[in-house]
């Protein structure tokens, strides 16, 4: 039962669970006997708040070619990391000393969600098995033969834009 609940609602601190909790009056199904219905999409502002973001991503910004707007530049506090799905790609965006960095959200060791990991300085720890990665260059501190993909980040106006 808990596997099914995790499959439907996501990991406890994951993106789907936060979106579920952000729906007005909505929550993850409590049991398999609950009526099956498609969850309503949360309004954009509710979705932003559910993910713990302080400000909504700017809508009036035109990102550079090949880039996508992912966050408001002030939405992610320093020392925080978050999972963002943009253009069908799951990435982890971190704020390291006011500088935004983006890496792939998947740990190559066991597929852990790096955006749900603990950020300490510029090092994120995978929540699954504790592997550590430098978010500024993708280097793995646990196994130097491993590296995660990094993405170029530009600030345009109030928007954090990531090259995909």
N, C-alpha and C. Protein backbone atom coordinates (compact mmCIF):
# COMPACT_ATOMS: atom_id res chain seq x y z
N UNK A 1 0.81 -1.19 0.00
CA UNK A 1 0.00 0.00 0.00
C UNK A 1 0.85 1.25 0.00
N UNK A 2 1.91 1.29 0.84
CA UNK A 2 2.73 2.50 0.88
C UNK A 2 3.46 2.70 -0.44
N UNK A 3 3.80 1.61 -1.17
CA UNK A 3 4.43 1.76 -2.47
C UNK A 3 3.48 2.46 -3.43
N UNK A 4 2.21 2.05 -3.43
CA UNK A 4 1.22 2.66 -4.31
C UNK A 4 1.03 4.14 -3.94
N UNK A 5 0.97 4.42 -2.67
CA UNK A 5 0.82 5.81 -2.21
C UNK A 5 2.02 6.65 -2.66
N UNK A 6 3.23 6.10 -2.53
CA UNK A 6 4.43 6.80 -2.97
C UNK A 6 4.42 6.99 -4.48
N UNK A 7 3.98 5.98 -5.19
CA UNK A 7 3.91 6.05 -6.65
C UNK A 7 2.95 7.15 -7.09
N UNK A 8 1.80 7.27 -6.43
CA UNK A 8 0.81 8.27 -6.80
C UNK A 8 1.13 9.66 -6.28
N UNK A 9 1.52 9.76 -5.03
CA UNK A 9 1.72 11.07 -4.40
C UNK A 9 3.17 11.54 -4.45
N UNK A 10 4.10 10.65 -4.79
CA UNK A 10 5.51 11.02 -4.83
C UNK A 10 6.17 10.82 -3.47
N UNK A 11 7.48 11.12 -3.45
CA UNK A 11 8.23 11.01 -2.19
C UNK A 11 7.75 12.09 -1.24
N UNK A 12 7.88 11.88 0.07
CA UNK A 12 7.35 12.84 1.05
C UNK A 12 7.77 14.29 0.82
N UNK A 13 9.02 14.53 0.40
CA UNK A 13 9.47 15.89 0.15
C UNK A 13 9.60 16.18 -1.33
N UNK A 14 9.06 15.32 -2.17
CA UNK A 14 9.20 15.46 -3.62
C UNK A 14 8.24 16.47 -4.21
N UNK A 15 8.45 16.74 -5.49
CA UNK A 15 7.67 17.73 -6.20
C UNK A 15 6.18 17.38 -6.23
N UNK A 16 5.84 16.12 -6.56
CA UNK A 16 4.42 15.75 -6.62
C UNK A 16 3.73 15.89 -5.27
N UNK A 17 4.40 15.47 -4.21
CA UNK A 17 3.81 15.57 -2.87
C UNK A 17 3.58 17.03 -2.50
N UNK A 18 4.55 17.90 -2.83
CA UNK A 18 4.38 19.31 -2.50
C UNK A 18 3.26 19.93 -3.33
N UNK A 19 3.14 19.52 -4.58
CA UNK A 19 2.04 20.04 -5.40
C UNK A 19 0.69 19.53 -4.89
N UNK A 20 0.66 18.24 -4.48
CA UNK A 20 -0.57 17.70 -3.90
C UNK A 20 -1.00 18.52 -2.70
N UNK A 21 -0.07 18.79 -1.81
CA UNK A 21 -0.38 19.54 -0.59
C UNK A 21 -0.79 20.98 -0.89
N UNK A 22 -0.33 21.52 -2.02
CA UNK A 22 -0.64 22.90 -2.37
C UNK A 22 -2.00 23.08 -3.03
N UNK A 23 -2.66 21.99 -3.39
CA UNK A 23 -3.97 22.12 -4.02
C UNK A 23 -5.00 22.59 -3.00
N UNK A 24 -5.85 23.54 -3.37
CA UNK A 24 -6.88 23.98 -2.44
C UNK A 24 -7.78 22.82 -2.04
N UNK A 25 -7.75 22.46 -0.77
CA UNK A 25 -8.61 21.40 -0.25
C UNK A 25 -8.21 20.01 -0.69
N UNK A 26 -7.08 19.86 -1.40
CA UNK A 26 -6.70 18.56 -1.93
C UNK A 26 -5.61 17.91 -1.11
N UNK A 27 -5.53 16.60 -1.20
CA UNK A 27 -4.45 15.86 -0.55
C UNK A 27 -4.30 14.54 -1.26
N UNK A 28 -3.23 13.86 -0.97
CA UNK A 28 -3.00 12.55 -1.57
C UNK A 28 -4.07 11.58 -1.09
N UNK A 29 -4.47 10.64 -1.94
CA UNK A 29 -5.47 9.66 -1.53
C UNK A 29 -5.00 8.87 -0.32
N UNK A 30 -5.89 8.68 0.65
CA UNK A 30 -5.54 8.00 1.89
C UNK A 30 -5.56 6.49 1.75
N UNK A 31 -6.40 5.96 0.86
CA UNK A 31 -6.47 4.52 0.70
C UNK A 31 -6.86 4.17 -0.71
N UNK A 32 -6.66 2.90 -1.06
CA UNK A 32 -7.00 2.47 -2.41
C UNK A 32 -8.50 2.39 -2.61
N UNK A 33 -9.31 2.42 -1.53
CA UNK A 33 -10.76 2.38 -1.68
C UNK A 33 -11.33 3.77 -1.94
N UNK A 34 -10.50 4.80 -1.90
CA UNK A 34 -10.97 6.15 -2.20
C UNK A 34 -11.33 6.22 -3.67
N UNK A 35 -12.38 7.01 -4.01
CA UNK A 35 -12.76 7.11 -5.42
C UNK A 35 -11.60 7.62 -6.26
N UNK A 36 -11.44 7.02 -7.43
CA UNK A 36 -10.36 7.43 -8.31
C UNK A 36 -10.80 8.66 -9.09
N UNK A 37 -10.00 9.73 -9.01
CA UNK A 37 -10.29 10.93 -9.78
C UNK A 37 -8.97 11.57 -10.16
N UNK A 38 -9.00 12.27 -11.26
CA UNK A 38 -7.80 12.96 -11.70
C UNK A 38 -7.65 14.21 -10.85
N UNK A 39 -6.48 14.42 -10.22
CA UNK A 39 -6.31 15.62 -9.40
C UNK A 39 -6.35 16.87 -10.27
N UNK A 40 -6.98 17.91 -9.73
CA UNK A 40 -7.03 19.18 -10.44
C UNK A 40 -5.66 19.82 -10.36
N UNK A 41 -5.29 20.53 -11.42
CA UNK A 41 -4.00 21.23 -11.42
C UNK A 41 -4.08 22.39 -10.44
N UNK A 42 -3.04 22.54 -9.65
CA UNK A 42 -2.97 23.66 -8.71
C UNK A 42 -2.73 24.94 -9.49
N UNK A 43 -3.36 26.04 -9.07
CA UNK A 43 -3.07 27.31 -9.73
C UNK A 43 -1.59 27.61 -9.61
N UNK A 44 -1.01 28.34 -10.59
CA UNK A 44 0.44 28.58 -10.57
C UNK A 44 0.95 29.13 -9.25
N UNK A 45 0.26 30.07 -8.64
CA UNK A 45 0.73 30.65 -7.39
C UNK A 45 0.71 29.61 -6.29
N UNK A 46 -0.33 28.78 -6.24
CA UNK A 46 -0.41 27.73 -5.22
C UNK A 46 0.71 26.72 -5.43
N UNK A 47 1.01 26.39 -6.70
CA UNK A 47 2.09 25.44 -6.98
C UNK A 47 3.43 26.00 -6.53
N UNK A 48 3.67 27.28 -6.78
CA UNK A 48 4.93 27.91 -6.35
C UNK A 48 5.04 27.86 -4.82
N UNK A 49 3.96 28.19 -4.12
CA UNK A 49 3.99 28.17 -2.65
C UNK A 49 4.17 26.75 -2.14
N UNK A 50 3.54 25.77 -2.81
CA UNK A 50 3.66 24.38 -2.38
C UNK A 50 5.10 23.90 -2.48
N UNK A 51 5.85 24.42 -3.44
CA UNK A 51 7.25 24.02 -3.59
C UNK A 51 8.15 24.79 -2.64
N UNK A 52 7.59 25.68 -1.83
CA UNK A 52 8.39 26.41 -0.86
C UNK A 52 9.06 27.64 -1.44
N UNK A 53 8.62 28.07 -2.61
CA UNK A 53 9.23 29.23 -3.24
C UNK A 53 8.61 30.51 -2.70
N UNK A 54 9.44 31.55 -2.56
CA UNK A 54 8.97 32.80 -1.99
C UNK A 54 8.26 33.68 -3.01
N UNK A 55 8.65 33.59 -4.28
CA UNK A 55 8.06 34.42 -5.32
C UNK A 55 7.80 33.58 -6.55
N UNK A 56 6.76 33.98 -7.28
CA UNK A 56 6.40 33.31 -8.52
C UNK A 56 7.42 33.62 -9.62
N UNK A 57 7.70 32.66 -10.48
CA UNK A 57 8.61 32.89 -11.60
C UNK A 57 8.05 33.99 -12.50
N UNK A 58 8.88 34.92 -12.94
CA UNK A 58 8.41 36.01 -13.78
C UNK A 58 7.86 35.49 -15.11
N UNK A 59 6.75 36.06 -15.54
CA UNK A 59 6.12 35.66 -16.80
C UNK A 59 6.50 36.60 -17.94
N UNK A 60 7.00 37.79 -17.60
CA UNK A 60 7.26 38.81 -18.60
C UNK A 60 8.72 38.87 -19.04
N UNK A 61 9.47 37.78 -18.84
CA UNK A 61 10.88 37.75 -19.19
C UNK A 61 11.07 36.84 -20.40
N UNK A 62 11.80 37.31 -21.38
CA UNK A 62 12.15 36.49 -22.53
C UNK A 62 13.55 35.95 -22.30
N UNK A 63 13.66 34.63 -22.09
CA UNK A 63 14.99 34.06 -21.82
C UNK A 63 15.83 34.03 -23.10
N UNK A 64 17.15 33.95 -22.95
CA UNK A 64 18.01 33.81 -24.13
C UNK A 64 17.67 32.52 -24.88
N UNK A 65 18.05 32.45 -26.15
CA UNK A 65 17.81 31.25 -26.96
C UNK A 65 18.38 30.02 -26.26
N UNK A 66 17.57 28.97 -26.19
CA UNK A 66 18.00 27.72 -25.58
C UNK A 66 17.83 27.66 -24.07
N UNK A 67 17.40 28.76 -23.46
CA UNK A 67 17.21 28.83 -22.01
C UNK A 67 15.72 28.82 -21.69
N UNK A 68 15.40 28.40 -20.48
CA UNK A 68 14.03 28.43 -19.96
C UNK A 68 14.03 29.14 -18.62
N UNK A 69 12.96 29.91 -18.35
CA UNK A 69 12.80 30.55 -17.04
C UNK A 69 12.37 29.47 -16.06
N UNK A 70 13.10 29.34 -14.92
CA UNK A 70 12.76 28.31 -13.95
C UNK A 70 12.30 28.88 -12.61
N UNK A 71 12.81 30.05 -12.22
CA UNK A 71 12.49 30.62 -10.91
C UNK A 71 12.60 32.13 -10.94
N UNK A 72 12.00 32.78 -9.97
CA UNK A 72 12.28 34.18 -9.68
C UNK A 72 13.63 34.21 -8.98
N UNK A 73 14.45 35.20 -9.27
CA UNK A 73 15.81 35.22 -8.70
C UNK A 73 15.81 35.29 -7.17
N UNK A 74 14.74 35.79 -6.56
CA UNK A 74 14.66 35.88 -5.11
C UNK A 74 13.84 34.76 -4.48
N UNK A 75 13.38 33.81 -5.30
CA UNK A 75 12.49 32.76 -4.79
C UNK A 75 13.20 31.71 -3.94
N UNK A 76 14.44 31.44 -4.27
CA UNK A 76 15.17 30.37 -3.58
C UNK A 76 16.19 30.99 -2.64
N UNK A 77 15.98 30.86 -1.33
CA UNK A 77 16.92 31.46 -0.38
C UNK A 77 18.32 30.87 -0.49
N UNK A 78 19.32 31.64 -0.09
CA UNK A 78 20.71 31.15 -0.09
C UNK A 78 20.80 29.88 0.76
N UNK A 79 21.60 28.94 0.27
CA UNK A 79 21.79 27.69 1.00
C UNK A 79 20.70 26.67 0.78
N UNK A 80 19.82 26.90 -0.21
CA UNK A 80 18.72 25.97 -0.48
C UNK A 80 18.88 25.37 -1.87
N UNK A 81 18.28 24.20 -2.05
CA UNK A 81 18.26 23.52 -3.34
C UNK A 81 16.85 23.01 -3.57
N UNK A 82 16.41 22.99 -4.83
CA UNK A 82 15.05 22.56 -5.13
C UNK A 82 15.03 21.81 -6.45
N UNK A 83 14.11 20.87 -6.55
CA UNK A 83 13.88 20.12 -7.77
C UNK A 83 12.93 20.92 -8.65
N UNK A 84 13.29 21.07 -9.93
CA UNK A 84 12.45 21.79 -10.88
C UNK A 84 12.36 20.94 -12.14
N UNK A 85 11.16 20.80 -12.67
CA UNK A 85 10.99 20.09 -13.94
C UNK A 85 10.65 21.14 -14.99
N UNK A 86 11.51 21.22 -15.98
CA UNK A 86 11.33 22.22 -17.02
C UNK A 86 11.63 21.58 -18.38
N UNK A 87 10.76 21.79 -19.32
CA UNK A 87 10.96 21.20 -20.64
C UNK A 87 11.09 19.69 -20.60
N UNK A 88 10.42 19.04 -19.64
CA UNK A 88 10.47 17.59 -19.50
C UNK A 88 11.74 17.08 -18.85
N UNK A 89 12.60 17.99 -18.39
CA UNK A 89 13.86 17.61 -17.76
C UNK A 89 13.84 17.97 -16.28
N UNK A 90 14.21 17.03 -15.43
CA UNK A 90 14.27 17.26 -14.00
C UNK A 90 15.67 17.75 -13.64
N UNK A 91 15.73 18.96 -13.08
CA UNK A 91 17.01 19.53 -12.67
C UNK A 91 16.93 19.96 -11.21
N UNK A 92 18.09 20.13 -10.61
CA UNK A 92 18.18 20.65 -9.25
C UNK A 92 18.82 22.03 -9.35
N UNK A 93 18.14 23.04 -8.81
CA UNK A 93 18.66 24.40 -8.81
C UNK A 93 19.04 24.76 -7.38
N UNK A 94 20.25 25.26 -7.21
CA UNK A 94 20.76 25.61 -5.88
C UNK A 94 21.15 27.08 -5.85
N UNK A 95 21.02 27.68 -4.67
CA UNK A 95 21.48 29.05 -4.45
C UNK A 95 22.67 28.96 -3.50
N UNK A 96 23.86 29.17 -4.06
CA UNK A 96 25.10 29.10 -3.29
C UNK A 96 25.65 30.51 -3.16
N UNK A 97 25.47 31.10 -2.00
CA UNK A 97 25.98 32.45 -1.76
C UNK A 97 25.43 33.49 -2.71
N UNK A 98 24.18 33.35 -3.11
CA UNK A 98 23.55 34.30 -4.03
C UNK A 98 23.79 33.97 -5.49
N UNK A 99 24.56 32.92 -5.76
CA UNK A 99 24.85 32.48 -7.13
C UNK A 99 24.03 31.22 -7.40
N UNK A 100 23.23 31.23 -8.46
CA UNK A 100 22.40 30.07 -8.78
C UNK A 100 23.17 29.09 -9.65
N UNK A 101 23.06 27.80 -9.30
CA UNK A 101 23.71 26.71 -10.03
C UNK A 101 22.62 25.69 -10.38
N UNK A 102 22.83 24.96 -11.48
CA UNK A 102 21.87 23.92 -11.86
C UNK A 102 22.62 22.67 -12.28
N UNK A 103 22.14 21.54 -11.76
CA UNK A 103 22.71 20.23 -12.10
C UNK A 103 21.56 19.28 -12.40
N UNK A 104 21.90 18.14 -12.99
CA UNK A 104 20.87 17.12 -13.20
C UNK A 104 20.31 16.72 -11.83
N UNK A 105 19.06 16.36 -11.79
CA UNK A 105 18.43 16.04 -10.51
C UNK A 105 18.66 14.59 -10.10
N UNK A 106 19.26 13.78 -10.96
CA UNK A 106 19.38 12.35 -10.69
C UNK A 106 20.81 11.97 -10.33
N UNK A 107 20.97 11.35 -9.17
CA UNK A 107 22.26 10.84 -8.72
C UNK A 107 22.62 9.62 -9.57
N UNK A 108 23.79 9.61 -10.20
CA UNK A 108 24.16 8.46 -11.03
C UNK A 108 24.38 7.17 -10.24
N UNK A 109 24.59 7.26 -8.95
CA UNK A 109 24.84 6.09 -8.13
C UNK A 109 23.60 5.21 -8.01
N UNK A 110 22.48 5.82 -7.58
CA UNK A 110 21.27 5.01 -7.37
C UNK A 110 20.00 5.75 -7.76
N UNK A 111 20.13 6.81 -8.56
CA UNK A 111 18.95 7.51 -9.06
C UNK A 111 18.27 8.42 -8.05
N UNK A 112 18.94 8.77 -6.98
CA UNK A 112 18.35 9.63 -5.95
C UNK A 112 18.08 11.03 -6.47
N UNK A 113 17.06 11.70 -5.91
CA UNK A 113 16.69 13.05 -6.33
C UNK A 113 17.57 14.09 -5.63
N UNK A 114 18.57 14.61 -6.30
CA UNK A 114 19.51 15.54 -5.69
C UNK A 114 18.83 16.82 -5.21
N UNK A 115 17.75 17.23 -5.86
CA UNK A 115 17.01 18.43 -5.45
C UNK A 115 16.33 18.28 -4.10
N UNK A 116 16.28 17.06 -3.59
CA UNK A 116 15.73 16.81 -2.26
C UNK A 116 16.84 16.57 -1.24
N UNK A 117 18.07 16.70 -1.68
CA UNK A 117 19.20 16.46 -0.80
C UNK A 117 19.48 17.67 0.08
N UNK A 118 20.48 17.50 0.95
CA UNK A 118 20.89 18.56 1.87
C UNK A 118 22.03 19.33 1.22
N UNK A 119 21.89 20.66 1.16
CA UNK A 119 22.93 21.50 0.59
C UNK A 119 23.73 22.11 1.73
N UNK A 120 25.05 21.89 1.69
CA UNK A 120 25.95 22.44 2.70
C UNK A 120 27.05 23.18 1.93
N UNK A 121 26.98 24.50 1.91
CA UNK A 121 27.90 25.28 1.08
C UNK A 121 27.57 25.02 -0.37
N UNK A 122 28.54 24.49 -1.11
CA UNK A 122 28.29 24.18 -2.52
C UNK A 122 28.18 22.66 -2.75
N UNK A 123 28.00 21.89 -1.67
CA UNK A 123 27.94 20.43 -1.77
C UNK A 123 26.54 19.94 -1.40
N UNK A 124 25.95 19.17 -2.33
CA UNK A 124 24.66 18.55 -2.06
C UNK A 124 24.89 17.07 -1.77
N UNK A 125 24.17 16.57 -0.76
CA UNK A 125 24.25 15.17 -0.38
C UNK A 125 22.99 14.47 -0.87
N UNK A 126 23.16 13.41 -1.64
CA UNK A 126 22.03 12.64 -2.16
C UNK A 126 21.25 12.05 -0.98
N UNK A 127 19.92 12.19 -0.98
CA UNK A 127 19.13 11.67 0.14
C UNK A 127 19.04 10.15 0.19
N UNK A 128 19.41 9.45 -0.88
CA UNK A 128 19.30 7.99 -0.89
C UNK A 128 20.48 7.32 -0.19
N UNK A 129 21.70 7.62 -0.60
CA UNK A 129 22.85 6.90 -0.06
C UNK A 129 24.00 7.82 0.36
N UNK A 130 23.77 9.12 0.39
CA UNK A 130 24.76 10.03 0.93
C UNK A 130 25.90 10.43 0.02
N UNK A 131 25.81 10.11 -1.27
CA UNK A 131 26.88 10.54 -2.16
C UNK A 131 26.84 12.06 -2.25
N UNK A 132 28.01 12.68 -2.38
CA UNK A 132 28.13 14.14 -2.35
C UNK A 132 28.61 14.67 -3.71
N UNK A 133 28.00 15.81 -4.11
CA UNK A 133 28.32 16.44 -5.39
C UNK A 133 28.51 17.94 -5.20
N UNK A 134 29.48 18.49 -5.91
CA UNK A 134 29.70 19.93 -5.94
C UNK A 134 28.73 20.50 -6.98
N UNK A 135 27.79 21.35 -6.56
CA UNK A 135 26.78 21.87 -7.48
C UNK A 135 27.35 22.90 -8.45
N UNK A 136 28.54 23.42 -8.19
CA UNK A 136 29.11 24.42 -9.08
C UNK A 136 29.78 23.80 -10.31
N UNK A 137 30.26 22.56 -10.19
CA UNK A 137 30.94 21.95 -11.33
C UNK A 137 30.54 20.50 -11.60
N UNK A 138 29.64 19.93 -10.78
CA UNK A 138 29.14 18.58 -10.98
C UNK A 138 30.04 17.48 -10.47
N UNK A 139 31.20 17.82 -9.91
CA UNK A 139 32.14 16.79 -9.45
C UNK A 139 31.55 16.00 -8.28
N UNK A 140 31.78 14.70 -8.32
CA UNK A 140 31.36 13.83 -7.22
C UNK A 140 32.50 13.76 -6.22
N UNK A 141 32.21 14.04 -4.97
CA UNK A 141 33.23 13.99 -3.92
C UNK A 141 33.36 12.60 -3.32
N UNK A 142 32.36 11.75 -3.58
CA UNK A 142 32.37 10.39 -3.06
C UNK A 142 33.18 9.46 -3.95
N UNK A 143 33.04 9.63 -5.26
CA UNK A 143 33.75 8.82 -6.25
C UNK A 143 34.21 9.77 -7.35
N UNK A 144 35.49 10.08 -7.38
CA UNK A 144 36.01 11.09 -8.31
C UNK A 144 35.88 10.70 -9.78
N UNK A 145 35.55 9.46 -10.07
CA UNK A 145 35.35 9.03 -11.45
C UNK A 145 33.95 9.39 -11.96
N UNK A 146 33.08 9.85 -11.06
CA UNK A 146 31.69 10.16 -11.39
C UNK A 146 31.49 11.67 -11.42
N UNK A 147 30.61 12.11 -12.31
CA UNK A 147 30.28 13.53 -12.39
C UNK A 147 28.82 13.65 -12.84
N UNK A 148 28.12 14.68 -12.36
CA UNK A 148 26.76 14.94 -12.81
C UNK A 148 26.78 16.10 -13.79
N UNK A 149 25.81 16.12 -14.65
CA UNK A 149 25.71 17.18 -15.65
C UNK A 149 25.39 18.51 -14.98
N UNK A 150 26.03 19.55 -15.44
CA UNK A 150 25.71 20.90 -14.99
C UNK A 150 25.03 21.64 -16.14
N UNK A 151 24.26 22.65 -15.80
CA UNK A 151 23.57 23.47 -16.78
C UNK A 151 24.00 24.92 -16.60
N UNK A 152 24.13 25.64 -17.71
CA UNK A 152 24.45 27.06 -17.64
C UNK A 152 23.24 27.80 -17.10
N UNK A 153 23.51 28.80 -16.26
CA UNK A 153 22.45 29.60 -15.64
C UNK A 153 22.73 31.07 -15.94
N UNK A 154 21.69 31.80 -16.32
CA UNK A 154 21.78 33.25 -16.50
C UNK A 154 20.63 33.90 -15.75
N UNK A 155 20.91 35.05 -15.18
CA UNK A 155 19.86 35.86 -14.56
C UNK A 155 19.46 36.92 -15.58
N UNK A 156 18.19 36.95 -15.94
CA UNK A 156 17.67 37.93 -16.87
C UNK A 156 16.55 38.67 -16.16
N UNK A 157 16.77 39.95 -15.83
CA UNK A 157 15.80 40.69 -15.04
C UNK A 157 15.67 40.02 -13.68
N UNK A 158 14.46 39.58 -13.36
CA UNK A 158 14.21 38.89 -12.09
C UNK A 158 14.14 37.37 -12.25
N UNK A 159 14.51 36.87 -13.42
CA UNK A 159 14.34 35.45 -13.70
C UNK A 159 15.66 34.69 -13.68
N UNK A 160 15.61 33.49 -13.11
CA UNK A 160 16.71 32.54 -13.21
C UNK A 160 16.40 31.70 -14.44
N UNK A 161 17.29 31.74 -15.43
CA UNK A 161 17.10 31.02 -16.67
C UNK A 161 18.17 29.93 -16.78
N UNK A 162 17.74 28.73 -17.19
CA UNK A 162 18.65 27.59 -17.30
C UNK A 162 18.67 27.13 -18.75
N UNK A 163 19.89 26.88 -19.25
CA UNK A 163 20.04 26.38 -20.62
C UNK A 163 19.79 24.88 -20.64
N UNK A 164 18.86 24.47 -21.50
CA UNK A 164 18.54 23.04 -21.62
C UNK A 164 19.08 22.48 -22.91
